[in-house]
Amino acid sequence: MNEKVNTMANGFSILIADRNPHVRKFLRQELSTDGFHVLIAKNGQEVLRLLNEGDLPDLLILDLDIPHVSGLEILKKLQDQELRFPIVVHTFLTKYADHPAVRNSAAFVEKTGDNVDGFKLVINDVLRKWYHARYVNQPEREV
């Protein structure tokens, strides 16, 4: 791909919420390799517990199709609580792309399974926009 990506991942934490254990494992491996601190949640209850009990992540990657508490419900709860961190909606459920809660997220990425480098670019772009000062003077690397 050979694109320049700012990988100021050290110090950034990402919570991945996905019902599919293979997706969770794959994204955790990919993002951990890039230096991110990664937490995972397999359902909406775990997402809410992690957000209520611990430090807030710098970024939430959220599949809308997670059990127990849906992704849309989580988005609404987070908006109601006015929690401030970016959310990247990563889902097959494209019919919700225009839903108000989804439109307020930092990014919407349809799951395709074949473009992890593009997904990483989205993550880095969102983090750079939200945490610009943390990216200043950080080296870039090629992907």
N, C-alpha and C. Protein backbone atom coordinates (compact mmCIF):
# COMPACT_ATOMS: atom_id res chain seq x y z
N MET A 1 0.83 -1.19 0.00
CA MET A 1 0.00 0.00 0.00
C MET A 1 0.87 1.24 0.00
N ASN A 2 1.92 1.24 0.80
CA ASN A 2 2.94 2.26 0.79
C ASN A 2 2.39 3.68 1.01
N GLU A 3 1.43 3.82 1.92
CA GLU A 3 0.94 5.14 2.29
C GLU A 3 1.54 5.53 3.61
N LYS A 4 1.73 6.83 3.80
CA LYS A 4 2.24 7.33 5.06
C LYS A 4 1.10 7.36 6.07
N VAL A 5 1.36 6.78 7.23
CA VAL A 5 0.37 6.75 8.30
C VAL A 5 1.05 7.20 9.57
N ASN A 6 0.46 8.14 10.27
CA ASN A 6 0.99 8.52 11.55
C ASN A 6 0.54 7.46 12.54
N THR A 7 1.48 6.77 13.13
CA THR A 7 1.14 5.66 14.01
C THR A 7 1.45 5.99 15.46
N MET A 8 1.07 7.16 15.89
CA MET A 8 1.27 7.55 17.27
C MET A 8 0.30 6.73 18.11
N ALA A 9 0.46 5.41 18.06
CA ALA A 9 -0.47 4.52 18.73
C ALA A 9 -0.15 4.40 20.22
N ASN A 10 1.12 4.53 20.57
CA ASN A 10 1.48 4.38 21.97
C ASN A 10 0.74 5.42 22.79
N GLY A 11 0.08 4.94 23.80
CA GLY A 11 -0.70 5.83 24.64
C GLY A 11 -2.16 5.88 24.28
N PHE A 12 -2.53 5.41 23.12
CA PHE A 12 -3.94 5.40 22.72
C PHE A 12 -4.55 4.05 23.09
N SER A 13 -5.75 4.11 23.65
CA SER A 13 -6.47 2.88 23.97
C SER A 13 -7.72 2.79 23.10
N ILE A 14 -7.99 1.58 22.65
CA ILE A 14 -9.13 1.32 21.78
C ILE A 14 -9.95 0.19 22.38
N LEU A 15 -11.25 0.40 22.44
CA LEU A 15 -12.18 -0.65 22.85
C LEU A 15 -12.87 -1.16 21.60
N ILE A 16 -12.73 -2.45 21.34
CA ILE A 16 -13.36 -3.09 20.19
C ILE A 16 -14.58 -3.86 20.69
N ALA A 17 -15.75 -3.53 20.17
CA ALA A 17 -16.99 -4.22 20.55
C ALA A 17 -17.56 -4.89 19.31
N ASP A 18 -17.44 -6.21 19.28
CA ASP A 18 -17.91 -6.98 18.12
C ASP A 18 -18.39 -8.34 18.60
N ARG A 19 -19.49 -8.80 18.04
CA ARG A 19 -20.04 -10.10 18.44
C ARG A 19 -19.21 -11.27 17.93
N ASN A 20 -18.47 -11.07 16.85
CA ASN A 20 -17.72 -12.14 16.21
C ASN A 20 -16.33 -12.29 16.86
N PRO A 21 -16.05 -13.44 17.49
CA PRO A 21 -14.75 -13.60 18.15
C PRO A 21 -13.57 -13.53 17.17
N HIS A 22 -13.77 -13.93 15.93
CA HIS A 22 -12.69 -13.87 14.94
C HIS A 22 -12.36 -12.42 14.59
N VAL A 23 -13.38 -11.59 14.46
CA VAL A 23 -13.16 -10.17 14.18
C VAL A 23 -12.46 -9.51 15.36
N ARG A 24 -12.94 -9.80 16.58
CA ARG A 24 -12.29 -9.23 17.78
C ARG A 24 -10.82 -9.61 17.83
N LYS A 25 -10.54 -10.90 17.63
CA LYS A 25 -9.16 -11.38 17.71
C LYS A 25 -8.30 -10.75 16.62
N PHE A 26 -8.82 -10.71 15.40
CA PHE A 26 -8.06 -10.16 14.28
C PHE A 26 -7.75 -8.67 14.50
N LEU A 27 -8.79 -7.89 14.87
CA LEU A 27 -8.56 -6.46 15.07
C LEU A 27 -7.64 -6.21 16.26
N ARG A 28 -7.81 -6.99 17.32
CA ARG A 28 -6.92 -6.84 18.48
C ARG A 28 -5.47 -7.08 18.07
N GLN A 29 -5.24 -8.14 17.31
CA GLN A 29 -3.89 -8.46 16.87
C GLN A 29 -3.33 -7.35 15.98
N GLU A 30 -4.10 -6.92 15.00
CA GLU A 30 -3.64 -5.88 14.07
C GLU A 30 -3.33 -4.57 14.79
N LEU A 31 -4.23 -4.15 15.68
CA LEU A 31 -4.05 -2.86 16.35
C LEU A 31 -3.00 -2.94 17.45
N SER A 32 -2.91 -4.06 18.14
CA SER A 32 -1.86 -4.24 19.14
C SER A 32 -0.48 -4.21 18.49
N THR A 33 -0.36 -4.84 17.33
CA THR A 33 0.90 -4.84 16.59
C THR A 33 1.32 -3.41 16.24
N ASP A 34 0.33 -2.54 16.01
CA ASP A 34 0.62 -1.13 15.70
C ASP A 34 0.87 -0.30 16.96
N GLY A 35 0.79 -0.92 18.13
CA GLY A 35 1.14 -0.23 19.36
C GLY A 35 -0.03 0.29 20.17
N PHE A 36 -1.25 0.01 19.75
CA PHE A 36 -2.42 0.44 20.52
C PHE A 36 -2.64 -0.47 21.71
N HIS A 37 -3.16 0.09 22.79
CA HIS A 37 -3.64 -0.72 23.91
C HIS A 37 -5.08 -1.07 23.58
N VAL A 38 -5.39 -2.36 23.47
CA VAL A 38 -6.70 -2.80 22.98
C VAL A 38 -7.45 -3.58 24.05
N LEU A 39 -8.70 -3.17 24.25
CA LEU A 39 -9.65 -3.90 25.08
C LEU A 39 -10.72 -4.45 24.17
N ILE A 40 -11.35 -5.55 24.57
CA ILE A 40 -12.41 -6.11 23.73
C ILE A 40 -13.67 -6.36 24.56
N ALA A 41 -14.80 -6.30 23.86
CA ALA A 41 -16.10 -6.61 24.45
C ALA A 41 -16.88 -7.42 23.43
N LYS A 42 -17.53 -8.48 23.91
CA LYS A 42 -18.27 -9.35 23.00
C LYS A 42 -19.75 -9.01 22.93
N ASN A 43 -20.21 -8.12 23.83
CA ASN A 43 -21.62 -7.75 23.81
C ASN A 43 -21.80 -6.36 24.41
N GLY A 44 -23.01 -5.85 24.28
CA GLY A 44 -23.29 -4.50 24.74
C GLY A 44 -23.17 -4.33 26.24
N GLN A 45 -23.50 -5.37 27.01
CA GLN A 45 -23.36 -5.29 28.45
C GLN A 45 -21.90 -5.09 28.84
N GLU A 46 -20.99 -5.80 28.18
CA GLU A 46 -19.57 -5.65 28.47
C GLU A 46 -19.08 -4.25 28.11
N VAL A 47 -19.57 -3.72 27.01
CA VAL A 47 -19.18 -2.35 26.61
C VAL A 47 -19.57 -1.37 27.71
N LEU A 48 -20.82 -1.43 28.14
CA LEU A 48 -21.29 -0.49 29.16
C LEU A 48 -20.56 -0.69 30.48
N ARG A 49 -20.29 -1.94 30.85
CA ARG A 49 -19.54 -2.20 32.09
C ARG A 49 -18.14 -1.61 32.01
N LEU A 50 -17.44 -1.85 30.90
CA LEU A 50 -16.09 -1.33 30.74
C LEU A 50 -16.07 0.20 30.75
N LEU A 51 -17.07 0.81 30.14
CA LEU A 51 -17.11 2.28 30.11
C LEU A 51 -17.47 2.86 31.47
N ASN A 52 -18.25 2.15 32.24
CA ASN A 52 -18.65 2.65 33.56
C ASN A 52 -17.63 2.36 34.65
N GLU A 53 -16.84 1.31 34.49
CA GLU A 53 -15.93 0.89 35.55
C GLU A 53 -14.50 1.38 35.39
N GLY A 54 -14.08 1.61 34.18
CA GLY A 54 -12.67 1.92 33.97
C GLY A 54 -12.48 3.28 33.34
N ASP A 55 -11.25 3.52 32.96
CA ASP A 55 -10.95 4.73 32.21
C ASP A 55 -11.60 4.63 30.84
N LEU A 56 -12.07 5.75 30.34
CA LEU A 56 -12.66 5.75 29.00
C LEU A 56 -11.59 5.50 27.96
N PRO A 57 -11.93 4.75 26.92
CA PRO A 57 -10.96 4.55 25.84
C PRO A 57 -10.81 5.84 25.03
N ASP A 58 -9.75 5.90 24.26
CA ASP A 58 -9.58 7.02 23.34
C ASP A 58 -10.48 6.85 22.13
N LEU A 59 -10.87 5.60 21.83
CA LEU A 59 -11.68 5.30 20.67
C LEU A 59 -12.48 4.03 20.93
N LEU A 60 -13.72 4.02 20.46
CA LEU A 60 -14.56 2.82 20.50
C LEU A 60 -14.84 2.40 19.07
N ILE A 61 -14.53 1.14 18.75
CA ILE A 61 -14.92 0.55 17.48
C ILE A 61 -16.14 -0.31 17.80
N LEU A 62 -17.27 0.03 17.21
CA LEU A 62 -18.55 -0.55 17.61
C LEU A 62 -19.27 -1.21 16.44
N ASP A 63 -19.54 -2.49 16.58
CA ASP A 63 -20.42 -3.20 15.66
C ASP A 63 -21.84 -2.98 16.14
N LEU A 64 -22.73 -2.57 15.27
CA LEU A 64 -24.12 -2.32 15.67
C LEU A 64 -24.85 -3.61 16.02
N ASP A 65 -24.38 -4.73 15.51
CA ASP A 65 -25.07 -6.01 15.68
C ASP A 65 -24.45 -6.82 16.82
N ILE A 66 -24.38 -6.21 18.02
CA ILE A 66 -23.87 -6.95 19.17
C ILE A 66 -25.04 -7.32 20.08
N PRO A 67 -24.93 -8.45 20.77
CA PRO A 67 -26.06 -8.92 21.59
C PRO A 67 -26.19 -8.18 22.92
N HIS A 68 -27.32 -8.40 23.56
CA HIS A 68 -27.71 -7.94 24.90
C HIS A 68 -28.08 -6.47 24.93
N VAL A 69 -27.22 -5.60 24.46
CA VAL A 69 -27.55 -4.18 24.30
C VAL A 69 -27.04 -3.83 22.92
N SER A 70 -27.94 -3.42 22.02
CA SER A 70 -27.53 -3.19 20.63
C SER A 70 -26.58 -2.01 20.50
N GLY A 71 -25.88 -2.00 19.40
CA GLY A 71 -24.98 -0.89 19.12
C GLY A 71 -25.71 0.45 19.08
N LEU A 72 -26.91 0.46 18.50
CA LEU A 72 -27.68 1.71 18.47
C LEU A 72 -28.05 2.16 19.88
N GLU A 73 -28.40 1.22 20.75
CA GLU A 73 -28.70 1.58 22.14
C GLU A 73 -27.47 2.14 22.84
N ILE A 74 -26.33 1.54 22.58
CA ILE A 74 -25.08 2.03 23.18
C ILE A 74 -24.79 3.45 22.70
N LEU A 75 -24.93 3.70 21.39
CA LEU A 75 -24.71 5.05 20.87
C LEU A 75 -25.63 6.05 21.57
N LYS A 76 -26.89 5.69 21.72
CA LYS A 76 -27.85 6.58 22.37
C LYS A 76 -27.47 6.83 23.83
N LYS A 77 -27.11 5.78 24.57
CA LYS A 77 -26.71 5.93 25.97
C LYS A 77 -25.48 6.83 26.09
N LEU A 78 -24.52 6.65 25.21
CA LEU A 78 -23.31 7.47 25.26
C LEU A 78 -23.62 8.93 24.96
N GLN A 79 -24.51 9.17 24.01
CA GLN A 79 -24.91 10.54 23.71
C GLN A 79 -25.67 11.15 24.88
N ASP A 80 -26.56 10.36 25.51
CA ASP A 80 -27.32 10.85 26.66
C ASP A 80 -26.40 11.19 27.83
N GLN A 81 -25.33 10.41 28.00
CA GLN A 81 -24.38 10.65 29.09
C GLN A 81 -23.34 11.69 28.71
N GLU A 82 -23.37 12.12 27.46
CA GLU A 82 -22.43 13.12 26.94
C GLU A 82 -20.97 12.71 27.15
N LEU A 83 -20.70 11.42 26.97
CA LEU A 83 -19.32 10.95 27.03
C LEU A 83 -18.61 11.42 25.77
N ARG A 84 -17.39 11.88 25.92
CA ARG A 84 -16.68 12.50 24.81
C ARG A 84 -15.46 11.71 24.38
N PHE A 85 -15.64 10.82 23.45
CA PHE A 85 -14.55 10.13 22.76
C PHE A 85 -15.12 9.68 21.42
N PRO A 86 -14.27 9.51 20.42
CA PRO A 86 -14.79 9.15 19.10
C PRO A 86 -15.23 7.70 19.03
N ILE A 87 -16.23 7.47 18.19
CA ILE A 87 -16.76 6.13 17.95
C ILE A 87 -16.71 5.87 16.45
N VAL A 88 -16.10 4.76 16.08
CA VAL A 88 -16.09 4.31 14.70
C VAL A 88 -17.07 3.15 14.62
N VAL A 89 -18.16 3.34 13.89
CA VAL A 89 -19.13 2.28 13.69
C VAL A 89 -18.60 1.39 12.58
N HIS A 90 -18.44 0.10 12.90
CA HIS A 90 -17.85 -0.89 11.98
C HIS A 90 -18.83 -2.05 11.90
N THR A 91 -19.63 -2.10 10.83
CA THR A 91 -20.75 -3.03 10.82
C THR A 91 -21.16 -3.44 9.41
N PHE A 92 -21.91 -4.53 9.34
CA PHE A 92 -22.56 -4.96 8.10
C PHE A 92 -23.90 -4.24 7.93
N LEU A 93 -24.45 -3.70 9.00
CA LEU A 93 -25.80 -3.13 9.00
C LEU A 93 -25.81 -1.73 8.38
N THR A 94 -25.60 -1.68 7.07
CA THR A 94 -25.52 -0.39 6.39
C THR A 94 -26.86 0.34 6.34
N LYS A 95 -27.95 -0.37 6.61
CA LYS A 95 -29.26 0.29 6.60
C LYS A 95 -29.35 1.36 7.69
N TYR A 96 -28.46 1.31 8.67
CA TYR A 96 -28.47 2.29 9.76
C TYR A 96 -27.48 3.44 9.53
N ALA A 97 -26.85 3.48 8.39
CA ALA A 97 -25.83 4.50 8.13
C ALA A 97 -26.39 5.92 8.28
N ASP A 98 -27.67 6.12 8.00
CA ASP A 98 -28.27 7.45 8.11
C ASP A 98 -29.01 7.66 9.42
N HIS A 99 -28.94 6.71 10.32
CA HIS A 99 -29.58 6.86 11.62
C HIS A 99 -28.90 8.03 12.35
N PRO A 100 -29.65 8.89 13.04
CA PRO A 100 -29.05 10.05 13.72
C PRO A 100 -27.91 9.69 14.68
N ALA A 101 -28.06 8.62 15.43
CA ALA A 101 -27.00 8.23 16.37
C ALA A 101 -25.73 7.81 15.62
N VAL A 102 -25.89 7.17 14.49
CA VAL A 102 -24.75 6.74 13.69
C VAL A 102 -24.10 7.94 13.00
N ARG A 103 -24.91 8.85 12.50
CA ARG A 103 -24.37 10.04 11.85
C ARG A 103 -23.52 10.87 12.80
N ASN A 104 -23.80 10.81 14.10
CA ASN A 104 -23.02 11.56 15.08
C ASN A 104 -21.71 10.87 15.46
N SER A 105 -21.50 9.66 14.97
CA SER A 105 -20.24 8.98 15.26
C SER A 105 -19.11 9.60 14.42
N ALA A 106 -17.89 9.31 14.81
CA ALA A 106 -16.73 9.89 14.12
C ALA A 106 -16.56 9.34 12.71
N ALA A 107 -16.94 8.07 12.51
CA ALA A 107 -16.81 7.46 11.18
C ALA A 107 -17.72 6.25 11.11
N PHE A 108 -18.12 5.92 9.87
CA PHE A 108 -18.91 4.72 9.59
C PHE A 108 -18.12 3.91 8.57
N VAL A 109 -17.80 2.66 8.93
CA VAL A 109 -17.03 1.80 8.03
C VAL A 109 -17.80 0.49 7.87
N GLU A 110 -18.15 0.19 6.64
CA GLU A 110 -18.83 -1.07 6.37
C GLU A 110 -17.82 -2.21 6.45
N LYS A 111 -18.22 -3.29 7.11
CA LYS A 111 -17.35 -4.47 7.18
C LYS A 111 -17.28 -5.11 5.81
N THR A 112 -16.05 -5.27 5.34
CA THR A 112 -15.85 -5.95 4.07
C THR A 112 -14.90 -7.12 4.23
N GLY A 113 -14.07 -7.09 5.24
CA GLY A 113 -13.15 -8.20 5.49
C GLY A 113 -11.91 -8.20 4.63
N ASP A 114 -11.77 -7.22 3.76
CA ASP A 114 -10.62 -7.26 2.85
C ASP A 114 -9.81 -5.97 2.80
N ASN A 115 -10.03 -5.07 3.76
CA ASN A 115 -9.32 -3.80 3.69
C ASN A 115 -8.89 -3.32 5.07
N VAL A 116 -8.08 -4.12 5.75
CA VAL A 116 -7.64 -3.74 7.09
C VAL A 116 -6.77 -2.49 7.06
N ASP A 117 -5.97 -2.32 6.01
CA ASP A 117 -5.13 -1.12 5.93
C ASP A 117 -5.98 0.14 5.81
N GLY A 118 -7.04 0.08 5.02
CA GLY A 118 -7.95 1.22 4.91
C GLY A 118 -8.65 1.50 6.22
N PHE A 119 -9.02 0.45 6.95
CA PHE A 119 -9.66 0.60 8.24
C PHE A 119 -8.70 1.25 9.24
N LYS A 120 -7.43 0.84 9.21
CA LYS A 120 -6.42 1.44 10.09
C LYS A 120 -6.23 2.92 9.76
N LEU A 121 -6.29 3.25 8.49
CA LEU A 121 -6.18 4.67 8.11
C LEU A 121 -7.34 5.48 8.69
N VAL A 122 -8.54 4.93 8.65
CA VAL A 122 -9.70 5.60 9.24
C VAL A 122 -9.47 5.81 10.73
N ILE A 123 -9.02 4.77 11.42
CA ILE A 123 -8.77 4.87 12.86
C ILE A 123 -7.75 5.97 13.15
N ASN A 124 -6.63 5.96 12.42
CA ASN A 124 -5.60 6.97 12.64
C ASN A 124 -6.11 8.37 12.31
N ASP A 125 -6.89 8.51 11.25
CA ASP A 125 -7.44 9.83 10.90
C ASP A 125 -8.37 10.34 12.00
N VAL A 126 -9.22 9.45 12.52
CA VAL A 126 -10.14 9.86 13.60
C VAL A 126 -9.36 10.28 14.83
N LEU A 127 -8.37 9.47 15.22
CA LEU A 127 -7.57 9.81 16.40
C LEU A 127 -6.82 11.12 16.20
N ARG A 128 -6.29 11.32 15.01
CA ARG A 128 -5.55 12.56 14.72
C ARG A 128 -6.47 13.77 14.84
N LYS A 129 -7.70 13.66 14.35
CA LYS A 129 -8.64 14.78 14.42
C LYS A 129 -9.07 15.06 15.86
N TRP A 130 -9.32 14.02 16.62
CA TRP A 130 -9.80 14.19 18.00
C TRP A 130 -8.69 14.56 18.97
N TYR A 131 -7.49 14.08 18.71
CA TYR A 131 -6.39 14.25 19.66
C TYR A 131 -5.18 14.85 18.93
N HIS A 132 -5.42 15.91 18.21
CA HIS A 132 -4.39 16.52 17.37
C HIS A 132 -3.10 16.79 18.14
N ALA A 133 -3.22 17.32 19.34
CA ALA A 133 -2.03 17.69 20.11
C ALA A 133 -1.16 16.46 20.43
N ARG A 134 -1.76 15.31 20.55
CA ARG A 134 -0.99 14.10 20.84
C ARG A 134 -0.24 13.59 19.61
N TYR A 135 -0.62 14.07 18.43
CA TYR A 135 0.04 13.65 17.19
C TYR A 135 1.16 14.58 16.76
N VAL A 136 1.24 15.75 17.33
CA VAL A 136 2.22 16.75 16.90
C VAL A 136 3.63 16.17 17.06
N ASN A 137 4.43 16.35 16.02
CA ASN A 137 5.82 15.93 16.00
C ASN A 137 6.03 14.43 16.15
N GLN A 138 5.06 13.63 15.78
CA GLN A 138 5.24 12.20 15.82
C GLN A 138 5.69 11.70 14.45
N PRO A 139 6.61 10.74 14.43
CA PRO A 139 7.07 10.23 13.13
C PRO A 139 5.99 9.48 12.40
N GLU A 140 6.11 9.48 11.09
CA GLU A 140 5.19 8.71 10.25
C GLU A 140 5.92 7.48 9.76
N ARG A 141 5.15 6.45 9.44
CA ARG A 141 5.76 5.24 8.88
C ARG A 141 4.93 4.82 7.67
N GLU A 142 5.52 3.98 6.87
CA GLU A 142 4.83 3.50 5.69
C GLU A 142 4.08 2.22 6.02
N VAL A 143 2.89 2.10 5.42
CA VAL A 143 2.10 0.89 5.60
C VAL A 143 2.07 0.12 4.30
